[in-house]
């Protein structure tokens, strides 16, 4: 479970890039990358390490919002999502805020909130 305050904190932290620049790899809209030239920010504008990571993955980066994200994570619990974010991105003290914001749509998106 998470609170409205945690979800709002996640939104603010994302806007301030407190988790690292999520929007670099996952695009400005967090819709992921498929290798299209129109994706923003442009791949060529990113730091070299980010470019290597993305190109090494075939130009694809999964979305952090939307139907594909819900399809991938919707049947898992919030605990699983938080564990994934802890493993990949944020320090444990901040690990609830961004996942809370990401799944703040849980009532209408079908997220499980049990452990």
Protein backbone atom coordinates (compact mmCIF):
# COMPACT_ATOMS: atom_id res chain seq x y z
CA UNK A 1 0.00 0.00 0.00
CA UNK A 2 1.01 3.60 -0.42
CA UNK A 3 -0.40 6.95 0.50
CA UNK A 4 -1.59 9.79 -1.70
CA UNK A 5 1.29 11.83 -0.29
CA UNK A 6 3.80 9.17 -1.41
CA UNK A 7 2.31 9.12 -4.91
CA UNK A 8 2.43 12.92 -5.10
CA UNK A 9 6.01 12.80 -3.79
CA UNK A 10 6.85 10.42 -6.63
CA UNK A 11 5.41 12.79 -9.21
CA UNK A 12 7.41 15.69 -7.79
CA UNK A 13 10.59 13.61 -7.51
CA UNK A 14 10.24 12.54 -11.14
CA UNK A 15 9.82 16.14 -12.26
CA UNK A 16 12.95 17.07 -10.31
CA UNK A 17 14.82 13.98 -11.55
CA UNK A 18 15.41 12.86 -7.97
CA UNK A 19 15.64 9.25 -9.11
CA UNK A 20 18.11 9.98 -11.84
CA UNK A 21 16.80 11.14 -15.14
CA UNK A 22 14.09 8.53 -15.77
CA UNK A 23 12.94 10.52 -18.77
CA UNK A 24 16.28 10.10 -20.53
CA UNK A 25 15.84 6.40 -21.17
CA UNK A 26 12.05 6.06 -20.86
CA UNK A 27 11.32 9.29 -22.87
CA UNK A 28 9.83 12.55 -21.71
CA UNK A 29 6.35 11.02 -21.51
CA UNK A 30 7.66 7.80 -19.82
CA UNK A 31 6.12 5.83 -22.68
CA UNK A 32 9.34 3.94 -23.38
CA UNK A 33 11.43 3.70 -26.52
CA UNK A 34 11.02 1.64 -29.65
CA UNK A 35 13.86 3.19 -31.62
CA UNK A 36 11.83 5.85 -33.44
CA UNK A 37 13.65 9.01 -34.51
CA UNK A 38 10.83 11.12 -33.06
CA UNK A 39 11.41 9.98 -29.45
CA UNK A 40 12.33 12.73 -27.00
CA UNK A 41 14.80 13.35 -25.71
CA UNK A 42 16.68 12.32 -28.82
CA UNK A 43 18.99 9.36 -28.29
CA UNK A 44 21.99 11.31 -29.61
CA UNK A 45 21.44 13.99 -26.93
CA UNK A 46 21.82 11.54 -24.05
CA UNK A 47 25.00 10.80 -22.12
CA UNK A 48 27.15 8.15 -23.77
CA UNK A 49 26.40 5.55 -21.08
CA UNK A 50 22.64 5.95 -21.60
CA UNK A 51 23.06 5.70 -25.37
CA UNK A 52 25.05 2.48 -24.99
CA UNK A 53 22.48 1.00 -22.63
CA UNK A 54 19.61 1.81 -24.99
CA UNK A 55 21.32 0.72 -28.20
CA UNK A 56 22.54 -2.43 -26.47
CA UNK A 57 18.89 -3.21 -25.85
CA UNK A 58 17.98 -2.80 -29.52
CA UNK A 59 16.77 0.76 -28.98
CA UNK A 60 13.94 -0.50 -26.80
CA UNK A 61 13.15 0.67 -23.28
CA UNK A 62 9.90 -0.39 -21.59
CA UNK A 63 7.27 2.20 -20.70
CA UNK A 64 6.63 3.27 -17.11
CA UNK A 65 3.03 4.28 -17.84
CA UNK A 66 0.15 3.22 -20.04
CA UNK A 67 -1.45 -0.02 -21.22
CA UNK A 68 1.80 -1.90 -21.90
CA UNK A 69 3.05 -1.07 -18.40
CA UNK A 70 -0.26 -2.14 -16.88
CA UNK A 71 -0.18 -5.34 -18.93
CA UNK A 72 3.30 -6.11 -17.67
CA UNK A 73 2.80 -5.16 -14.01
CA UNK A 74 -0.96 -5.08 -13.42
CA UNK A 75 -1.28 -8.61 -12.07
CA UNK A 76 1.68 -8.28 -9.72
CA UNK A 77 1.51 -6.73 -6.29
CA UNK A 78 2.80 -3.30 -5.40
CA UNK A 79 5.48 -5.04 -3.35
CA UNK A 80 6.89 -6.65 -6.51
CA UNK A 81 6.99 -3.33 -8.32
CA UNK A 82 8.71 -1.62 -5.38
CA UNK A 83 11.28 -4.42 -5.19
CA UNK A 84 12.02 -3.99 -8.90
CA UNK A 85 12.51 -0.25 -8.50
CA UNK A 86 14.73 -0.79 -5.45
CA UNK A 87 16.86 -3.24 -7.40
CA UNK A 88 17.21 -1.05 -10.47
CA UNK A 89 16.88 2.60 -9.63
CA UNK A 90 16.34 4.35 -6.36
CA UNK A 91 17.81 4.19 -2.87
CA UNK A 92 15.59 2.16 -0.52
CA UNK A 93 14.50 5.25 1.40
CA UNK A 94 12.84 6.64 -1.75
CA UNK A 95 11.70 3.37 -3.26
CA UNK A 96 7.99 3.82 -2.54
CA UNK A 97 7.48 7.28 -4.04
CA UNK A 98 7.97 6.66 -7.74
CA UNK A 99 6.21 3.27 -7.85
CA UNK A 100 3.37 4.84 -5.84
CA UNK A 101 3.03 7.59 -8.44
CA UNK A 102 3.31 5.09 -11.30
CA UNK A 103 0.51 2.93 -9.97
CA UNK A 104 -1.61 5.67 -8.49
CA UNK A 105 -4.21 4.62 -11.05
CA UNK A 106 -4.53 1.21 -9.35
CA UNK A 107 -8.31 1.34 -8.75
CA UNK A 108 -9.06 1.84 -12.44
CA UNK A 109 -6.07 -0.16 -13.76
CA UNK A 110 -6.66 -3.38 -11.83
CA UNK A 111 -3.53 -3.37 -9.67
CA UNK A 112 -3.35 -5.76 -6.77
CA UNK A 113 -2.36 -4.01 -3.55
CA UNK A 114 -1.83 -7.07 -1.40
CA UNK A 115 1.63 -8.52 -0.68
